[in-house]
C-alpha atoms as a PDB file:
ATOM      1  CA  MET A   1      -0.113  -0.305  -0.189  1.00  0.00           C
ATOM      2  CA  GLY A   2       2.985   2.490   0.637  1.00  0.00           C
ATOM      3  CA  GLY A   3       4.204   1.932  -2.966  1.00  0.00           C
ATOM      4  CA  LEU A   4       0.751   2.466  -4.315  1.00  0.00           C
ATOM      5  CA  ILE A   5       0.470   5.707  -1.805  1.00  0.00           C
ATOM      6  CA  GLY A   6       3.732   6.716  -3.248  1.00  0.00           C
ATOM      7  CA  VAL A   7       3.173   6.289  -6.931  1.00  0.00           C
ATOM      8  CA  GLU A   8      -0.679   8.133  -6.873  1.00  0.00           C
ATOM      9  CA  VAL A   9       1.138  10.805  -5.211  1.00  0.00           C
ATOM     10  CA  ILE A  10       4.155  11.268  -7.601  1.00  0.00           C
ATOM     11  CA  LYS A  11       1.513  11.018 -10.423  1.00  0.00           C
ATOM     12  CA  LYS A  12      -0.480  13.572  -9.151  1.00  0.00           C
ATOM     13  CA  ILE A  13       2.394  16.023  -8.625  1.00  0.00           C
ATOM     14  CA  ILE A  14       3.761  15.711 -11.825  1.00  0.00           C
ATOM     15  CA  GLY A  15       0.544  15.612 -13.965  1.00  0.00           C
ATOM     16  CA  GLU A  16       0.128  12.044 -15.285  1.00  0.00           C
ATOM     17  CA  LYS A  17      -3.030  10.310 -15.662  1.00  0.00           C
ATOM     18  CA  GLN A  18      -2.310   7.274 -17.917  1.00  0.00           C
ATOM     19  CA  SER A  19      -2.649   4.213 -15.502  1.00  0.00           C
ATOM     20  CA  SER A  20       0.688   2.351 -15.029  1.00  0.00           C
ATOM     21  CA  GLY A  21      -0.039  -0.818 -12.770  1.00  0.00           C
ATOM     22  CA  ASP A  22      -0.815  -2.952 -15.719  1.00  0.00           C
ATOM     23  CA  LEU A  23       2.529  -2.965 -16.569  1.00  0.00           C
ATOM     24  CA  PHE A  24       3.775  -3.811 -12.913  1.00  0.00           C
ATOM     25  CA  THR A  25       0.718  -6.619 -12.008  1.00  0.00           C
ATOM     26  CA  TYR A  26       2.751  -9.740 -13.033  1.00  0.00           C
ATOM     27  CA  PRO A  27       6.258  -8.526 -12.365  1.00  0.00           C
ATOM     28  CA  LEU A  28       5.028  -7.855  -9.068  1.00  0.00           C
ATOM     29  CA  ILE A  29       3.257 -10.764  -8.354  1.00  0.00           C
ATOM     30  CA  LEU A  30       6.732 -12.556  -9.339  1.00  0.00           C
ATOM     31  CA  ALA A  31       8.490 -10.639  -6.572  1.00  0.00           C
ATOM     32  CA  ILE A  32       6.171 -11.749  -4.086  1.00  0.00           C
ATOM     33  CA  ILE A  33       6.318 -15.414  -4.769  1.00  0.00           C
ATOM     34  CA  ILE A  34       9.958 -14.759  -4.624  1.00  0.00           C
ATOM     35  CA  GLY A  35      10.079 -12.809  -1.308  1.00  0.00           C
ATOM     36  CA  ARG A  36       7.791 -15.229  -0.042  1.00  0.00           C
ATOM     37  CA  THR A  37       9.512 -18.397  -0.810  1.00  0.00           C
ATOM     38  CA  GLY A  38      12.400 -16.484   1.181  1.00  0.00           C
ATOM     39  CA  CYS A  39      10.536 -15.740   3.823  1.00  0.00           C
ATOM     40  CA  PHE A  40       9.267 -19.569   4.019  1.00  0.00           C
ATOM     41  CA  LEU A  41      12.704 -21.004   3.424  1.00  0.00           C
ATOM     42  CA  ALA A  42      13.929 -18.667   6.984  1.00  0.00           C
ATOM     43  CA  GLY A  43      11.675 -20.600   8.970  1.00  0.00           C
ATOM     44  CA  ILE A  44      10.594 -19.144  12.002  1.00  0.00           C
ATOM     45  CA  GLU A  45      13.012 -16.212  12.387  1.00  0.00           C
ATOM     46  CA  ASP A  46      10.773 -14.487   9.593  1.00  0.00           C
ATOM     47  CA  HIS A  47       7.964 -14.333  12.007  1.00  0.00           C
ATOM     48  CA  THR A  48       5.557 -14.984   8.970  1.00  0.00           C
ATOM     49  CA  PHE A  49       4.758 -18.626   9.614  1.00  0.00           C
ATOM     50  CA  GLY A  50       0.875 -19.163  10.600  1.00  0.00           C
ATOM     51  CA  ASN A  51      -0.451 -20.277  13.775  1.00  0.00           C
ATOM     52  CA  GLU A  52      -0.143 -23.782  14.857  1.00  0.00           C
ATOM     53  CA  THR A  53      -1.979 -26.653  12.871  1.00  0.00           C
ATOM     54  CA  LYS A  54      -3.363 -30.218  13.328  1.00  0.00           C
ATOM     55  CA  LEU A  55      -3.314 -30.333   9.929  1.00  0.00           C
ATOM     56  CA  PRO A  56      -1.714 -32.809   7.704  1.00  0.00           C
ATOM     57  CA  TRP A  57       0.076 -30.345   5.929  1.00  0.00           C
ATOM     58  CA  GLY A  58       0.954 -28.444   9.043  1.00  0.00           C
ATOM     59  CA  ILE A  59       5.188 -27.346   8.731  1.00  0.00           C
ATOM     60  CA  ASP A  60       7.597 -27.138  11.467  1.00  0.00           C
ATOM     61  CA  PHE A  61       9.430 -24.316  11.104  1.00  0.00           C
ATOM     62  CA  GLY A  62      12.320 -24.813  13.462  1.00  0.00           C
ATOM     63  CA  ASP A  63      10.305 -24.452  16.944  1.00  0.00           C
ATOM     64  CA  GLY A  64       8.555 -27.945  17.239  1.00  0.00           C
ATOM     65  CA  VAL A  65       5.586 -26.347  16.473  1.00  0.00           C
ATOM     66  CA  LEU A  66       3.593 -27.356  13.316  1.00  0.00           C
ATOM     67  CA  ARG A  67       2.210 -24.622  11.754  1.00  0.00           C
ATOM     68  CA  HIS A  68       0.351 -22.999   8.859  1.00  0.00           C
ATOM     69  CA  PRO A  69       2.715 -22.701   6.013  1.00  0.00           C
ATOM     70  CA  THR A  70       1.350 -19.163   5.222  1.00  0.00           C
ATOM     71  CA  ASN A  71       3.633 -18.403   2.819  1.00  0.00           C
ATOM     72  CA  LEU A  72       2.869 -21.323   0.808  1.00  0.00           C
ATOM     73  CA  TYR A  73      -0.265 -20.305   0.931  1.00  0.00           C
ATOM     74  CA  GLU A  74       0.200 -16.885  -0.521  1.00  0.00           C
ATOM     75  CA  ILE A  75       2.728 -18.464  -3.362  1.00  0.00           C
ATOM     76  CA  VAL A  76      -0.270 -20.889  -4.535  1.00  0.00           C
ATOM     77  CA  PHE A  77      -2.580 -18.159  -4.201  1.00  0.00           C
ATOM     78  CA  LEU A  78      -0.665 -15.708  -6.279  1.00  0.00           C
ATOM     79  CA  ILE A  79      -0.096 -18.545  -9.059  1.00  0.00           C
ATOM     80  CA  PHE A  80      -3.878 -19.109  -8.912  1.00  0.00           C
ATOM     81  CA  LEU A  81      -4.161 -15.153  -9.314  1.00  0.00           C
ATOM     82  CA  TRP A  82      -1.833 -15.037 -12.455  1.00  0.00           C
ATOM     83  CA  PHE A  83      -3.567 -17.399 -14.639  1.00  0.00           C
ATOM     84  CA  SER A  84      -7.215 -16.356 -13.576  1.00  0.00           C
ATOM     85  CA  LEU A  85      -5.966 -12.636 -14.860  1.00  0.00           C
ATOM     86  CA  VAL A  86      -4.702 -14.264 -17.996  1.00  0.00           C
ATOM     87  CA  LEU A  87      -7.589 -16.022 -18.684  1.00  0.00           C
ATOM     88  CA  ILE A  88      -9.843 -13.154 -17.516  1.00  0.00           C
ATOM     89  CA  GLU A  89      -8.113 -11.106 -20.125  1.00  0.00           C
ATOM     90  CA  LYS A  90      -8.133 -13.729 -23.199  1.00  0.00           C
ATOM     91  CA  LYS A  91     -12.193 -13.638 -22.360  1.00  0.00           C
ATOM     92  CA  ILE A  92     -12.836  -9.968 -21.782  1.00  0.00           C
ATOM     93  CA  LYS A  93     -11.334  -6.864 -22.757  1.00  0.00           C
ATOM     94  CA  LEU A  94     -10.288  -4.540 -19.677  1.00  0.00           C
ATOM     95  CA  LYS A  95      -9.875  -0.811 -19.651  1.00  0.00           C
ATOM     96  CA  SER A  96      -6.235   0.679 -18.980  1.00  0.00           C
ATOM     97  CA  GLY A  97      -5.470  -0.017 -15.138  1.00  0.00           C
ATOM     98  CA  SER A  98      -8.272  -2.648 -14.607  1.00  0.00           C
ATOM     99  CA  ARG A  99      -5.565  -5.731 -14.289  1.00  0.00           C
ATOM    100  CA  PHE A 100      -4.124  -3.766 -11.971  1.00  0.00           C
ATOM    101  CA  LYS A 101      -6.956  -3.081  -9.564  1.00  0.00           C
ATOM    102  CA  LEU A 102      -8.067  -6.698 -10.089  1.00  0.00           C
ATOM    103  CA  PHE A 103      -4.672  -7.714  -8.186  1.00  0.00           C
ATOM    104  CA  MET A 104      -4.908  -5.128  -5.900  1.00  0.00           C
ATOM    105  CA  VAL A 105      -8.372  -6.373  -4.975  1.00  0.00           C
ATOM    106  CA  ALA A 106      -8.153  -9.712  -4.402  1.00  0.00           C
ATOM    107  CA  TYR A 107      -4.541  -9.621  -2.949  1.00  0.00           C
ATOM    108  CA  LEU A 108      -5.687  -7.396  -0.280  1.00  0.00           C
ATOM    109  CA  LEU A 109      -8.852 -10.021   0.069  1.00  0.00           C
ATOM    110  CA  PHE A 110      -6.814 -12.451   0.492  1.00  0.00           C
ATOM    111  CA  ARG A 111      -4.224 -10.983   2.705  1.00  0.00           C
ATOM    112  CA  PHE A 112      -7.091  -9.964   5.220  1.00  0.00           C
ATOM    113  CA  PHE A 113      -8.356 -13.303   5.514  1.00  0.00           C
ATOM    114  CA  ILE A 114      -4.574 -15.061   5.726  1.00  0.00           C
ATOM    115  CA  GLU A 115      -4.240 -12.730   8.645  1.00  0.00           C
ATOM    116  CA  PHE A 116      -6.432 -14.547  10.987  1.00  0.00           C
ATOM    117  CA  ILE A 117      -4.194 -17.627  10.704  1.00  0.00           C
ATOM    118  CA  LYS A 118      -0.891 -15.868  11.745  1.00  0.00           C
ATOM    119  CA  PRO A 119       0.255 -14.896  15.509  1.00  0.00           C
ATOM    120  CA  ASP A 120      -0.051 -11.128  15.357  1.00  0.00           C
ATOM    121  CA  TYR A 121      -0.934  -7.992  17.932  1.00  0.00           C
ATOM    122  CA  PHE A 122      -4.844  -7.173  17.145  1.00  0.00           C
ATOM    123  CA  PHE A 123      -5.963  -4.250  18.132  1.00  0.00           C
ATOM    124  CA  THR A 124      -9.514  -2.321  16.682  1.00  0.00           C
ATOM    125  CA  PHE A 125     -12.639  -4.743  15.878  1.00  0.00           C
ATOM    126  CA  GLY A 126     -10.095  -7.821  16.195  1.00  0.00           C
ATOM    127  CA  LEU A 127      -8.149  -6.846  13.658  1.00  0.00           C
ATOM    128  CA  GLY A 128      -3.688  -6.552  12.810  1.00  0.00           C
ATOM    129  CA  MET A 129      -2.555  -3.821  11.602  1.00  0.00           C
ATOM    130  CA  ILE A 130      -1.711  -5.168   8.062  1.00  0.00           C
ATOM    131  CA  GLN A 131      -5.697  -6.321   8.176  1.00  0.00           C
ATOM    132  CA  LEU A 132      -6.545  -2.610   8.668  1.00  0.00           C
ATOM    133  CA  THR A 133      -4.003  -2.008   5.937  1.00  0.00           C
ATOM    134  CA  CYS A 134      -6.063  -4.293   3.745  1.00  0.00           C
ATOM    135  CA  LEU A 135      -9.686  -2.440   4.540  1.00  0.00           C
ATOM    136  CA  ALA A 136      -8.071   0.658   3.930  1.00  0.00           C
ATOM    137  CA  GLY A 137      -7.287  -0.422   0.542  1.00  0.00           C
ATOM    138  CA  MET A 138     -10.204  -1.895  -0.037  1.00  0.00           C
ATOM    139  CA  VAL A 139     -11.724   1.599   0.589  1.00  0.00           C
ATOM    140  CA  TYR A 140      -9.874   3.194  -1.557  1.00  0.00           C
ATOM    141  CA  TYR A 141     -10.675   0.357  -4.203  1.00  0.00           C
ATOM    142  CA  TYR A 142     -14.487   0.517  -3.488  1.00  0.00           C
ATOM    143  CA  LYS A 143     -15.500   1.165  -6.705  1.00  0.00           C
ATOM    144  CA  VAL A 144     -14.082  -2.213  -8.369  1.00  0.00           C
ATOM    145  CA  ILE A 145     -16.037  -3.944  -5.568  1.00  0.00           C
ATOM    146  CA  LEU A 146     -19.166  -2.408  -5.789  1.00  0.00           C
ATOM    147  CA  PHE A 147     -19.186  -1.607  -9.980  1.00  0.00           C
ATOM    148  CA  PRO A 148     -16.664  -4.402 -11.820  1.00  0.00           C
ATOM    149  CA  LYS A 149     -18.501  -3.333 -14.854  1.00  0.00           C
ATOM    150  CA  GLN A 150     -16.349  -0.333 -14.631  1.00  0.00           C
ATOM    151  CA  LEU A 151     -13.414  -2.563 -15.206  1.00  0.00           C
ATOM    152  CA  LEU A 152     -14.660  -3.100 -18.810  1.00  0.00           C
ATOM    153  CA  ASN A 153     -13.615  -1.457 -22.205  1.00  0.00           C
ATOM    154  CA  GLY A 154     -16.352  -0.686 -23.921  1.00  0.00           C
END
């Protein structure tokens, strides 16, 4: 969200009106996948692991506790999102900037919900800081959520 805010502020300052997010969507997905792979390999020291689980795919990150592999969940989600965006664009002509908006809404929703199975400090309404940030992002993209037809070209 910080990067989005920075880009939007700079674009406002220089008067740039053209959407640039579509260019960064797939590289950003790939970068997050690479980052989450690093988080997974870092083990317990990274502090991005999930809560304890009894599920058969729980992973011991080095502390003797089987935990949700939230990094792997995110990687799988991002791969699914990548292919979903490709399929959507093959079937539907999107307006410029719509790919990035779809990515952001989907990713913010995913991050909001995945945080419930991570150990976190919870604040207002039982939500953590990342969840509050995700909600702020979804408010920013409320038109995409409420009026998805605005993403279509034509």
